[in-house]
């Protein structure tokens, strides 16, 4: 299991909530626990390599653009940021090397 799986799960949930809020199908107050979950999961991650940093940065940019849409602000290209997020996510989550983690990480 990759060190980012909890973060990935939290960000996908938060992104889904942001999209629902942008469409008006969920209350904006529902975003608070989802956002806190993302921050909590991110705080547990240590030792970021280049791909990890790119993934975190792409995730933050995509979430910010969706948040701007929810707030009614002009947003950067959501589609472009979503594509960049998907590429970075694939590199870290989907294509992550198996067995490259220490036994401590695997036990956790």
N, C-alpha and C. Protein backbone atom coordinates (compact mmCIF):
# COMPACT_ATOMS: atom_id res chain seq x y z
N UNK A 1 0.84 -1.18 0.00
CA UNK A 1 0.00 0.00 0.00
C UNK A 1 0.89 1.25 0.00
N UNK A 2 0.53 2.20 -0.81
CA UNK A 2 1.27 3.44 -0.99
C UNK A 2 0.96 4.41 0.14
N UNK A 3 1.94 5.22 0.52
CA UNK A 3 1.75 6.19 1.60
C UNK A 3 0.69 7.23 1.28
N UNK A 4 0.31 7.34 0.02
CA UNK A 4 -0.67 8.33 -0.39
C UNK A 4 -2.10 7.80 -0.48
N UNK A 5 -2.35 6.56 -0.19
CA UNK A 5 -3.69 6.04 -0.37
C UNK A 5 -4.74 6.75 0.49
N UNK A 6 -4.42 7.02 1.75
CA UNK A 6 -5.37 7.75 2.60
C UNK A 6 -5.60 9.16 2.07
N UNK A 7 -4.52 9.81 1.67
CA UNK A 7 -4.62 11.16 1.09
C UNK A 7 -5.43 11.12 -0.20
N UNK A 8 -5.18 10.13 -1.04
CA UNK A 8 -5.90 9.99 -2.29
C UNK A 8 -7.39 9.79 -2.05
N UNK A 9 -7.72 8.94 -1.10
CA UNK A 9 -9.13 8.70 -0.77
C UNK A 9 -9.78 9.99 -0.27
N UNK A 10 -9.08 10.73 0.59
CA UNK A 10 -9.63 11.98 1.13
C UNK A 10 -9.79 13.03 0.03
N UNK A 11 -8.80 13.15 -0.85
CA UNK A 11 -8.90 14.17 -1.89
C UNK A 11 -9.99 13.84 -2.89
N UNK A 12 -10.15 12.58 -3.23
CA UNK A 12 -11.23 12.21 -4.17
C UNK A 12 -12.59 12.53 -3.56
N UNK A 13 -12.74 12.30 -2.25
CA UNK A 13 -13.99 12.63 -1.59
C UNK A 13 -14.24 14.13 -1.56
N UNK A 14 -13.20 14.88 -1.28
CA UNK A 14 -13.31 16.34 -1.23
C UNK A 14 -13.61 16.90 -2.62
N UNK A 15 -12.96 16.39 -3.63
CA UNK A 15 -13.20 16.83 -5.00
C UNK A 15 -14.65 16.54 -5.40
N UNK A 16 -15.14 15.37 -5.03
CA UNK A 16 -16.54 15.03 -5.33
C UNK A 16 -17.49 16.01 -4.64
N UNK A 17 -17.20 16.34 -3.38
CA UNK A 17 -18.03 17.31 -2.64
C UNK A 17 -17.97 18.69 -3.28
N UNK A 18 -16.77 19.11 -3.72
CA UNK A 18 -16.64 20.41 -4.37
C UNK A 18 -17.46 20.46 -5.66
N UNK A 19 -17.41 19.38 -6.43
CA UNK A 19 -18.20 19.33 -7.66
C UNK A 19 -19.69 19.39 -7.36
N UNK A 20 -20.12 18.69 -6.32
CA UNK A 20 -21.53 18.73 -5.92
C UNK A 20 -21.92 20.13 -5.46
N UNK A 21 -21.06 20.78 -4.72
CA UNK A 21 -21.34 22.15 -4.25
C UNK A 21 -21.40 23.11 -5.42
N UNK A 22 -20.53 22.93 -6.41
CA UNK A 22 -20.55 23.79 -7.60
C UNK A 22 -21.85 23.61 -8.37
N UNK A 23 -22.38 22.39 -8.36
CA UNK A 23 -23.65 22.12 -9.05
C UNK A 23 -24.86 22.49 -8.20
N UNK A 24 -24.62 22.80 -6.93
CA UNK A 24 -25.71 23.16 -6.03
C UNK A 24 -26.45 21.98 -5.46
N UNK A 25 -25.84 20.79 -5.50
CA UNK A 25 -26.52 19.59 -5.01
C UNK A 25 -26.10 19.18 -3.60
N UNK A 26 -25.21 19.94 -2.99
CA UNK A 26 -24.82 19.70 -1.60
C UNK A 26 -24.58 21.03 -0.91
N UNK A 27 -24.69 21.02 0.40
CA UNK A 27 -24.48 22.22 1.18
C UNK A 27 -22.99 22.51 1.31
N UNK A 28 -22.63 23.76 1.25
CA UNK A 28 -21.22 24.17 1.34
C UNK A 28 -20.64 23.76 2.70
N UNK A 29 -21.45 23.68 3.73
CA UNK A 29 -20.96 23.27 5.05
C UNK A 29 -20.41 21.84 5.03
N UNK A 30 -20.85 21.02 4.08
CA UNK A 30 -20.34 19.65 3.96
C UNK A 30 -18.89 19.61 3.51
N UNK A 31 -18.38 20.74 3.01
CA UNK A 31 -17.00 20.80 2.55
C UNK A 31 -16.00 20.84 3.70
N UNK A 32 -16.42 21.34 4.84
CA UNK A 32 -15.50 21.53 5.96
C UNK A 32 -14.89 20.21 6.44
N UNK A 33 -15.68 19.19 6.75
CA UNK A 33 -15.05 17.95 7.19
C UNK A 33 -14.22 17.27 6.08
N UNK A 34 -14.64 17.42 4.84
CA UNK A 34 -13.88 16.84 3.73
C UNK A 34 -12.53 17.53 3.58
N UNK A 35 -12.52 18.84 3.72
CA UNK A 35 -11.26 19.59 3.66
C UNK A 35 -10.34 19.22 4.83
N UNK A 36 -10.92 19.08 6.00
CA UNK A 36 -10.12 18.70 7.18
C UNK A 36 -9.52 17.31 7.01
N UNK A 37 -10.25 16.42 6.39
CA UNK A 37 -9.76 15.07 6.15
C UNK A 37 -8.55 15.08 5.22
N UNK A 38 -8.59 15.94 4.20
CA UNK A 38 -7.46 16.07 3.28
C UNK A 38 -6.23 16.60 4.03
N UNK A 39 -6.42 17.65 4.81
CA UNK A 39 -5.30 18.23 5.55
C UNK A 39 -4.71 17.24 6.56
N UNK A 40 -5.58 16.48 7.21
CA UNK A 40 -5.12 15.48 8.18
C UNK A 40 -4.30 14.39 7.49
N UNK A 41 -4.78 13.91 6.36
CA UNK A 41 -4.07 12.85 5.63
C UNK A 41 -2.73 13.38 5.11
N UNK A 42 -2.71 14.60 4.62
CA UNK A 42 -1.46 15.17 4.11
C UNK A 42 -0.43 15.36 5.22
N UNK A 43 -0.89 15.71 6.42
CA UNK A 43 0.03 15.94 7.53
C UNK A 43 0.77 14.68 7.95
N UNK A 44 0.25 13.51 7.61
CA UNK A 44 0.88 12.25 7.98
C UNK A 44 1.94 11.79 6.98
N UNK A 45 2.03 12.45 5.83
CA UNK A 45 2.95 12.02 4.79
C UNK A 45 4.32 12.64 5.04
N UNK A 46 5.33 11.83 4.94
CA UNK A 46 6.71 12.28 5.14
C UNK A 46 7.52 11.94 3.88
N UNK A 47 8.68 12.55 3.77
CA UNK A 47 9.66 12.21 2.73
C UNK A 47 9.07 12.26 1.32
N UNK A 48 8.76 13.46 0.85
CA UNK A 48 8.22 13.62 -0.49
C UNK A 48 9.33 13.64 -1.53
N UNK A 49 9.22 12.79 -2.53
CA UNK A 49 10.15 12.86 -3.65
C UNK A 49 9.55 13.79 -4.71
N UNK A 50 10.19 13.94 -5.84
CA UNK A 50 9.75 14.88 -6.87
C UNK A 50 8.32 14.56 -7.36
N UNK A 51 8.04 13.29 -7.65
CA UNK A 51 6.71 12.91 -8.13
C UNK A 51 5.65 13.15 -7.05
N UNK A 52 6.02 12.87 -5.80
CA UNK A 52 5.09 13.10 -4.70
C UNK A 52 4.73 14.58 -4.60
N UNK A 53 5.75 15.44 -4.69
CA UNK A 53 5.51 16.89 -4.62
C UNK A 53 4.63 17.35 -5.78
N UNK A 54 4.91 16.83 -6.96
CA UNK A 54 4.10 17.19 -8.13
C UNK A 54 2.65 16.77 -7.92
N UNK A 55 2.44 15.61 -7.34
CA UNK A 55 1.08 15.12 -7.07
C UNK A 55 0.37 16.03 -6.06
N UNK A 56 1.04 16.37 -4.97
CA UNK A 56 0.45 17.24 -3.96
C UNK A 56 0.15 18.62 -4.54
N UNK A 57 1.07 19.16 -5.31
CA UNK A 57 0.87 20.48 -5.92
C UNK A 57 -0.26 20.45 -6.95
N UNK A 58 -0.33 19.40 -7.77
CA UNK A 58 -1.40 19.29 -8.76
C UNK A 58 -2.75 19.14 -8.07
N UNK A 59 -2.78 18.39 -6.98
CA UNK A 59 -4.01 18.21 -6.22
C UNK A 59 -4.46 19.54 -5.64
N UNK A 60 -3.54 20.29 -5.05
CA UNK A 60 -3.88 21.58 -4.45
C UNK A 60 -4.39 22.56 -5.50
N UNK A 61 -3.75 22.59 -6.67
CA UNK A 61 -4.19 23.50 -7.73
C UNK A 61 -5.59 23.14 -8.23
N UNK A 62 -5.84 21.86 -8.40
CA UNK A 62 -7.15 21.41 -8.86
C UNK A 62 -8.23 21.72 -7.83
N UNK A 63 -7.95 21.43 -6.56
CA UNK A 63 -8.91 21.73 -5.50
C UNK A 63 -9.17 23.23 -5.41
N UNK A 64 -8.13 24.04 -5.55
CA UNK A 64 -8.31 25.50 -5.50
C UNK A 64 -9.20 25.98 -6.63
N UNK A 65 -9.01 25.44 -7.83
CA UNK A 65 -9.85 25.88 -8.95
C UNK A 65 -11.30 25.48 -8.73
N UNK A 66 -11.53 24.29 -8.19
CA UNK A 66 -12.91 23.87 -7.89
C UNK A 66 -13.50 24.73 -6.78
N UNK A 67 -12.68 25.06 -5.79
CA UNK A 67 -13.13 25.92 -4.69
C UNK A 67 -13.50 27.30 -5.21
N UNK A 68 -12.72 27.83 -6.14
CA UNK A 68 -13.04 29.12 -6.75
C UNK A 68 -14.38 29.08 -7.47
N UNK A 69 -14.66 27.97 -8.15
CA UNK A 69 -15.95 27.82 -8.83
C UNK A 69 -17.07 27.85 -7.81
N UNK A 70 -16.91 27.12 -6.71
CA UNK A 70 -17.93 27.09 -5.65
C UNK A 70 -18.16 28.48 -5.08
N UNK A 71 -17.09 29.25 -4.92
CA UNK A 71 -17.19 30.60 -4.35
C UNK A 71 -17.64 31.64 -5.36
N UNK A 72 -17.81 31.24 -6.62
CA UNK A 72 -18.25 32.17 -7.66
C UNK A 72 -17.16 33.06 -8.19
N UNK A 73 -15.93 32.71 -7.94
CA UNK A 73 -14.78 33.47 -8.42
C UNK A 73 -14.34 32.94 -9.77
N UNK A 74 -13.65 33.76 -10.54
CA UNK A 74 -13.08 33.24 -11.78
C UNK A 74 -12.04 32.17 -11.44
N UNK A 75 -12.14 31.05 -12.11
CA UNK A 75 -11.24 29.93 -11.82
C UNK A 75 -10.31 29.67 -12.99
N UNK A 76 -9.15 29.15 -12.67
CA UNK A 76 -8.24 28.69 -13.72
C UNK A 76 -8.92 27.54 -14.45
N UNK A 77 -8.39 27.15 -15.55
CA UNK A 77 -8.99 26.08 -16.35
C UNK A 77 -9.12 24.80 -15.53
N UNK A 78 -10.32 24.53 -15.10
CA UNK A 78 -10.58 23.36 -14.27
C UNK A 78 -10.23 22.08 -15.03
N UNK A 79 -10.57 22.01 -16.30
CA UNK A 79 -10.29 20.80 -17.08
C UNK A 79 -8.79 20.54 -17.20
N UNK A 80 -8.01 21.58 -17.46
CA UNK A 80 -6.56 21.42 -17.57
C UNK A 80 -5.96 20.98 -16.24
N UNK A 81 -6.43 21.58 -15.15
CA UNK A 81 -5.92 21.22 -13.83
C UNK A 81 -6.35 19.81 -13.45
N UNK A 82 -7.54 19.41 -13.87
CA UNK A 82 -7.98 18.04 -13.61
C UNK A 82 -7.10 17.05 -14.36
N UNK A 83 -6.77 17.36 -15.60
CA UNK A 83 -5.89 16.49 -16.38
C UNK A 83 -4.50 16.40 -15.75
N UNK A 84 -3.96 17.53 -15.30
CA UNK A 84 -2.64 17.52 -14.65
C UNK A 84 -2.69 16.71 -13.36
N UNK A 85 -3.78 16.83 -12.62
CA UNK A 85 -3.96 16.06 -11.38
C UNK A 85 -4.01 14.57 -11.69
N UNK A 86 -4.75 14.19 -12.72
CA UNK A 86 -4.86 12.78 -13.09
C UNK A 86 -3.51 12.20 -13.49
N UNK A 87 -2.71 12.96 -14.23
CA UNK A 87 -1.38 12.49 -14.65
C UNK A 87 -0.49 12.29 -13.42
N UNK A 88 -0.45 13.29 -12.55
CA UNK A 88 0.38 13.20 -11.35
C UNK A 88 -0.11 12.09 -10.42
N UNK A 89 -1.41 11.95 -10.30
CA UNK A 89 -2.00 10.89 -9.46
C UNK A 89 -1.64 9.52 -9.99
N UNK A 90 -1.73 9.36 -11.29
CA UNK A 90 -1.41 8.07 -11.90
C UNK A 90 0.03 7.68 -11.59
N UNK A 91 0.93 8.65 -11.68
CA UNK A 91 2.35 8.39 -11.44
C UNK A 91 2.61 7.94 -10.00
N UNK A 92 1.92 8.55 -9.04
CA UNK A 92 2.18 8.28 -7.62
C UNK A 92 1.32 7.14 -7.08
N UNK A 93 0.06 7.09 -7.45
CA UNK A 93 -0.86 6.11 -6.88
C UNK A 93 -0.92 4.83 -7.71
N UNK A 94 -1.17 4.97 -8.99
CA UNK A 94 -1.41 3.80 -9.85
C UNK A 94 -0.11 3.11 -10.24
N UNK A 95 0.88 3.89 -10.66
CA UNK A 95 2.12 3.31 -11.17
C UNK A 95 3.23 3.25 -10.13
N UNK A 96 2.90 3.45 -8.87
CA UNK A 96 3.91 3.44 -7.81
C UNK A 96 4.62 2.09 -7.77
N UNK A 97 5.92 2.11 -7.59
CA UNK A 97 6.66 0.85 -7.54
C UNK A 97 6.24 0.01 -6.34
N UNK A 98 5.97 -1.25 -6.59
CA UNK A 98 5.59 -2.18 -5.52
C UNK A 98 6.86 -2.68 -4.86
N UNK A 99 6.84 -2.77 -3.55
CA UNK A 99 8.00 -3.28 -2.83
C UNK A 99 9.08 -2.25 -2.60
N UNK A 100 8.86 -1.01 -3.01
CA UNK A 100 9.86 0.03 -2.84
C UNK A 100 9.82 0.70 -1.49
N UNK A 101 8.92 0.30 -0.66
CA UNK A 101 8.78 0.92 0.66
C UNK A 101 9.48 0.06 1.71
N UNK A 102 9.82 0.67 2.81
CA UNK A 102 10.46 -0.07 3.89
C UNK A 102 9.45 -0.97 4.58
N UNK A 103 9.91 -1.90 5.34
CA UNK A 103 9.01 -2.82 6.05
C UNK A 103 8.15 -2.07 7.05
N UNK A 104 8.66 -0.95 7.58
CA UNK A 104 7.86 -0.15 8.50
C UNK A 104 6.62 0.41 7.79
N UNK A 105 6.79 0.97 6.60
CA UNK A 105 5.67 1.51 5.84
C UNK A 105 4.69 0.42 5.47
N UNK A 106 5.20 -0.76 5.14
CA UNK A 106 4.32 -1.86 4.75
C UNK A 106 3.52 -2.36 5.94
N UNK A 107 4.10 -2.31 7.14
CA UNK A 107 3.41 -2.79 8.33
C UNK A 107 2.32 -1.83 8.76
N UNK A 108 2.47 -0.57 8.43
CA UNK A 108 1.51 0.45 8.88
C UNK A 108 0.21 0.40 8.17
